[in-house]
């Protein structure tokens, strides 16, 4: 949708097909061992940021352009400033 509106965005999707057997591990980016695939994708594709979701999509997690996980309290602070 954003691209159709002319926004200069590209989405690189990994592990985005629902599968209740969780073949790629527990979908919980709060666990450091569950962040590696997103981190690698950000670096490999030269992305500006990465976004990961938990198993039921009620929480999202952000990664910077270097693939570093951004703790939630920084995101809350950023949104509070906006």
N, C-alpha and C. Protein backbone atom coordinates (compact mmCIF):
# COMPACT_ATOMS: atom_id res chain seq x y z
N UNK A 1 0.81 -1.20 0.00
CA UNK A 1 0.00 0.00 0.00
C UNK A 1 0.85 1.26 0.00
N UNK A 2 1.85 1.30 0.84
CA UNK A 2 2.70 2.49 0.88
C UNK A 2 3.38 2.73 -0.45
N UNK A 3 3.84 1.67 -1.07
CA UNK A 3 4.50 1.81 -2.37
C UNK A 3 3.54 2.36 -3.41
N UNK A 4 2.29 1.90 -3.38
CA UNK A 4 1.28 2.37 -4.32
C UNK A 4 1.01 3.86 -4.15
N UNK A 5 1.23 4.36 -2.95
CA UNK A 5 1.04 5.78 -2.67
C UNK A 5 2.28 6.60 -3.01
N UNK A 6 3.31 5.93 -3.51
CA UNK A 6 4.52 6.64 -3.91
C UNK A 6 5.59 6.70 -2.84
N UNK A 7 5.38 6.04 -1.72
CA UNK A 7 6.39 6.04 -0.66
C UNK A 7 7.57 5.18 -1.10
N UNK A 8 8.78 5.67 -0.88
CA UNK A 8 9.97 4.92 -1.31
C UNK A 8 10.33 3.81 -0.32
N UNK A 9 9.52 2.77 -0.29
CA UNK A 9 9.74 1.68 0.66
C UNK A 9 9.85 0.35 -0.07
N UNK A 10 10.56 -0.56 0.56
CA UNK A 10 10.65 -1.94 0.08
C UNK A 10 10.61 -2.83 1.31
N UNK A 11 9.78 -3.84 1.27
CA UNK A 11 9.67 -4.76 2.39
C UNK A 11 10.38 -6.07 2.05
N UNK A 12 11.27 -6.48 2.92
CA UNK A 12 11.94 -7.77 2.82
C UNK A 12 11.32 -8.64 3.90
N UNK A 13 10.58 -9.63 3.50
CA UNK A 13 9.85 -10.45 4.47
C UNK A 13 10.58 -11.77 4.71
N UNK A 14 10.71 -12.13 5.98
CA UNK A 14 11.26 -13.43 6.34
C UNK A 14 10.32 -14.08 7.34
N UNK A 15 10.19 -15.37 7.27
CA UNK A 15 9.34 -16.12 8.20
C UNK A 15 7.94 -15.51 8.33
N UNK A 16 7.35 -15.11 7.22
CA UNK A 16 6.05 -14.43 7.29
C UNK A 16 4.87 -15.32 6.92
N UNK A 17 5.10 -16.61 6.74
CA UNK A 17 4.00 -17.54 6.47
C UNK A 17 3.60 -18.21 7.78
N UNK A 18 2.34 -18.03 8.20
CA UNK A 18 1.91 -18.62 9.47
C UNK A 18 2.08 -20.15 9.48
N UNK A 19 2.64 -20.65 10.54
CA UNK A 19 2.84 -22.09 10.71
C UNK A 19 2.89 -22.37 12.21
N UNK A 20 1.82 -22.94 12.72
CA UNK A 20 1.69 -23.20 14.16
C UNK A 20 2.71 -24.15 14.74
N UNK A 21 3.52 -24.79 13.88
CA UNK A 21 4.57 -25.67 14.40
C UNK A 21 5.86 -24.89 14.69
N UNK A 22 5.88 -23.61 14.33
CA UNK A 22 7.02 -22.71 14.57
C UNK A 22 8.35 -23.32 14.12
N UNK A 23 8.47 -23.62 12.81
CA UNK A 23 9.69 -24.26 12.30
C UNK A 23 10.94 -23.39 12.44
N UNK A 24 10.76 -22.09 12.62
CA UNK A 24 11.91 -21.18 12.75
C UNK A 24 12.18 -20.80 14.19
N UNK A 25 11.58 -21.51 15.12
CA UNK A 25 11.78 -21.22 16.54
C UNK A 25 10.63 -20.44 17.14
N UNK A 26 10.72 -20.20 18.41
CA UNK A 26 9.69 -19.46 19.13
C UNK A 26 9.67 -18.02 18.62
N UNK A 27 8.51 -17.51 18.18
CA UNK A 27 8.46 -16.15 17.65
C UNK A 27 8.39 -15.11 18.77
N UNK A 28 9.48 -14.95 19.48
CA UNK A 28 9.53 -14.00 20.59
C UNK A 28 10.83 -13.20 20.52
N UNK A 29 10.80 -12.03 19.85
CA UNK A 29 12.01 -11.22 19.73
C UNK A 29 12.55 -10.67 21.05
N UNK A 30 11.82 -10.85 22.14
CA UNK A 30 12.39 -10.46 23.43
C UNK A 30 13.54 -11.40 23.82
N UNK A 31 13.52 -12.60 23.28
CA UNK A 31 14.60 -13.55 23.54
C UNK A 31 15.74 -13.28 22.56
N UNK A 32 16.92 -12.97 23.08
CA UNK A 32 18.04 -12.64 22.18
C UNK A 32 18.30 -13.69 21.10
N UNK A 33 18.11 -14.95 21.41
CA UNK A 33 18.37 -16.00 20.42
C UNK A 33 17.36 -16.01 19.28
N UNK A 34 16.27 -15.27 19.42
CA UNK A 34 15.24 -15.22 18.37
C UNK A 34 15.38 -13.99 17.47
N UNK A 35 16.41 -13.21 17.65
CA UNK A 35 16.59 -11.97 16.89
C UNK A 35 17.52 -12.11 15.70
N UNK A 36 18.26 -13.19 15.64
CA UNK A 36 19.36 -13.30 14.68
C UNK A 36 18.93 -13.22 13.23
N UNK A 37 17.83 -13.86 12.85
CA UNK A 37 17.41 -13.83 11.44
C UNK A 37 17.04 -12.42 11.00
N UNK A 38 16.37 -11.67 11.87
CA UNK A 38 16.02 -10.29 11.52
C UNK A 38 17.28 -9.44 11.42
N UNK A 39 18.17 -9.60 12.38
CA UNK A 39 19.43 -8.86 12.37
C UNK A 39 20.19 -9.12 11.06
N UNK A 40 20.30 -10.38 10.69
CA UNK A 40 21.02 -10.75 9.46
C UNK A 40 20.36 -10.16 8.22
N UNK A 41 19.03 -10.18 8.18
CA UNK A 41 18.31 -9.65 7.01
C UNK A 41 18.53 -8.15 6.88
N UNK A 42 18.51 -7.43 7.99
CA UNK A 42 18.75 -5.98 7.95
C UNK A 42 20.13 -5.70 7.36
N UNK A 43 21.12 -6.41 7.84
CA UNK A 43 22.50 -6.20 7.38
C UNK A 43 22.65 -6.63 5.92
N UNK A 44 22.16 -7.82 5.58
CA UNK A 44 22.31 -8.35 4.23
C UNK A 44 21.67 -7.46 3.17
N UNK A 45 20.53 -6.88 3.48
CA UNK A 45 19.80 -6.07 2.50
C UNK A 45 20.08 -4.58 2.64
N UNK A 46 20.93 -4.19 3.59
CA UNK A 46 21.22 -2.76 3.78
C UNK A 46 19.97 -1.98 4.15
N UNK A 47 19.12 -2.60 4.94
CA UNK A 47 17.84 -1.97 5.32
C UNK A 47 18.06 -0.80 6.28
N UNK A 48 17.14 0.12 6.27
CA UNK A 48 17.18 1.24 7.21
C UNK A 48 16.72 0.81 8.60
N UNK A 49 15.90 -0.22 8.64
CA UNK A 49 15.40 -0.72 9.92
C UNK A 49 14.82 -2.11 9.73
N UNK A 50 14.62 -2.80 10.84
CA UNK A 50 13.96 -4.09 10.82
C UNK A 50 12.80 -4.09 11.79
N UNK A 51 11.78 -4.83 11.47
CA UNK A 51 10.61 -4.97 12.34
C UNK A 51 10.33 -6.45 12.50
N UNK A 52 10.14 -6.87 13.74
CA UNK A 52 9.79 -8.27 14.02
C UNK A 52 8.55 -8.27 14.90
N UNK A 53 7.74 -9.30 14.76
CA UNK A 53 6.52 -9.43 15.55
C UNK A 53 6.58 -10.69 16.40
N UNK A 54 5.82 -10.68 17.48
CA UNK A 54 5.70 -11.90 18.28
C UNK A 54 4.68 -12.82 17.60
N UNK A 55 4.43 -13.96 18.20
CA UNK A 55 3.61 -15.00 17.58
C UNK A 55 2.18 -14.62 17.28
N UNK A 56 1.58 -13.74 18.06
CA UNK A 56 0.19 -13.36 17.79
C UNK A 56 0.06 -11.91 17.31
N UNK A 57 1.16 -11.32 16.94
CA UNK A 57 1.20 -9.99 16.33
C UNK A 57 0.64 -8.87 17.20
N UNK A 58 0.70 -9.04 18.52
CA UNK A 58 0.23 -7.94 19.36
C UNK A 58 1.38 -7.07 19.85
N UNK A 59 2.60 -7.43 19.48
CA UNK A 59 3.78 -6.63 19.82
C UNK A 59 4.73 -6.62 18.63
N UNK A 60 5.33 -5.46 18.38
CA UNK A 60 6.36 -5.41 17.35
C UNK A 60 7.66 -4.92 17.99
N UNK A 61 8.74 -5.28 17.35
CA UNK A 61 10.07 -4.99 17.87
C UNK A 61 10.89 -4.39 16.75
N UNK A 62 11.71 -3.41 17.06
CA UNK A 62 12.46 -2.70 16.04
C UNK A 62 13.96 -2.97 16.15
N UNK A 63 14.61 -2.90 14.98
CA UNK A 63 16.05 -3.06 14.87
C UNK A 63 16.57 -1.86 14.08
N UNK A 64 17.75 -1.37 14.44
CA UNK A 64 18.30 -0.24 13.70
C UNK A 64 18.98 -0.71 12.42
N UNK A 65 19.56 0.23 11.68
CA UNK A 65 20.17 -0.08 10.39
C UNK A 65 21.39 -0.99 10.49
N UNK A 66 21.90 -1.18 11.68
CA UNK A 66 23.04 -2.08 11.90
C UNK A 66 22.58 -3.45 12.40
N UNK A 67 21.26 -3.63 12.49
CA UNK A 67 20.71 -4.90 12.96
C UNK A 67 20.66 -5.02 14.47
N UNK A 68 20.90 -3.92 15.17
CA UNK A 68 20.87 -3.95 16.63
C UNK A 68 19.43 -3.82 17.12
N UNK A 69 19.06 -4.66 18.06
CA UNK A 69 17.73 -4.63 18.67
C UNK A 69 17.59 -3.33 19.45
N UNK A 70 16.45 -2.68 19.30
CA UNK A 70 16.17 -1.44 20.04
C UNK A 70 15.21 -1.79 21.17
N UNK A 71 15.64 -1.57 22.38
CA UNK A 71 14.80 -1.88 23.54
C UNK A 71 13.52 -1.04 23.51
N UNK A 72 12.43 -1.63 23.97
CA UNK A 72 11.12 -1.01 23.92
C UNK A 72 11.03 0.34 24.60
N UNK A 73 11.77 0.54 25.68
CA UNK A 73 11.67 1.82 26.38
C UNK A 73 12.22 2.96 25.54
N UNK A 74 13.14 2.69 24.62
CA UNK A 74 13.60 3.73 23.71
C UNK A 74 12.52 4.09 22.70
N UNK A 75 11.79 3.09 22.24
CA UNK A 75 10.71 3.33 21.29
C UNK A 75 9.61 4.16 21.93
N UNK A 76 9.25 3.81 23.16
CA UNK A 76 8.22 4.58 23.88
C UNK A 76 8.68 6.03 24.04
N UNK A 77 9.94 6.23 24.39
CA UNK A 77 10.47 7.59 24.53
C UNK A 77 10.42 8.35 23.22
N UNK A 78 10.77 7.68 22.14
CA UNK A 78 10.73 8.30 20.81
C UNK A 78 9.30 8.71 20.46
N UNK A 79 8.35 7.82 20.69
CA UNK A 79 6.95 8.14 20.38
C UNK A 79 6.42 9.25 21.28
N UNK A 80 6.86 9.29 22.52
CA UNK A 80 6.42 10.35 23.43
C UNK A 80 6.93 11.71 22.97
N UNK A 81 8.11 11.73 22.36
CA UNK A 81 8.68 12.98 21.85
C UNK A 81 7.98 13.47 20.59
N UNK A 82 7.40 12.56 19.83
CA UNK A 82 6.81 12.90 18.53
C UNK A 82 5.55 13.73 18.66
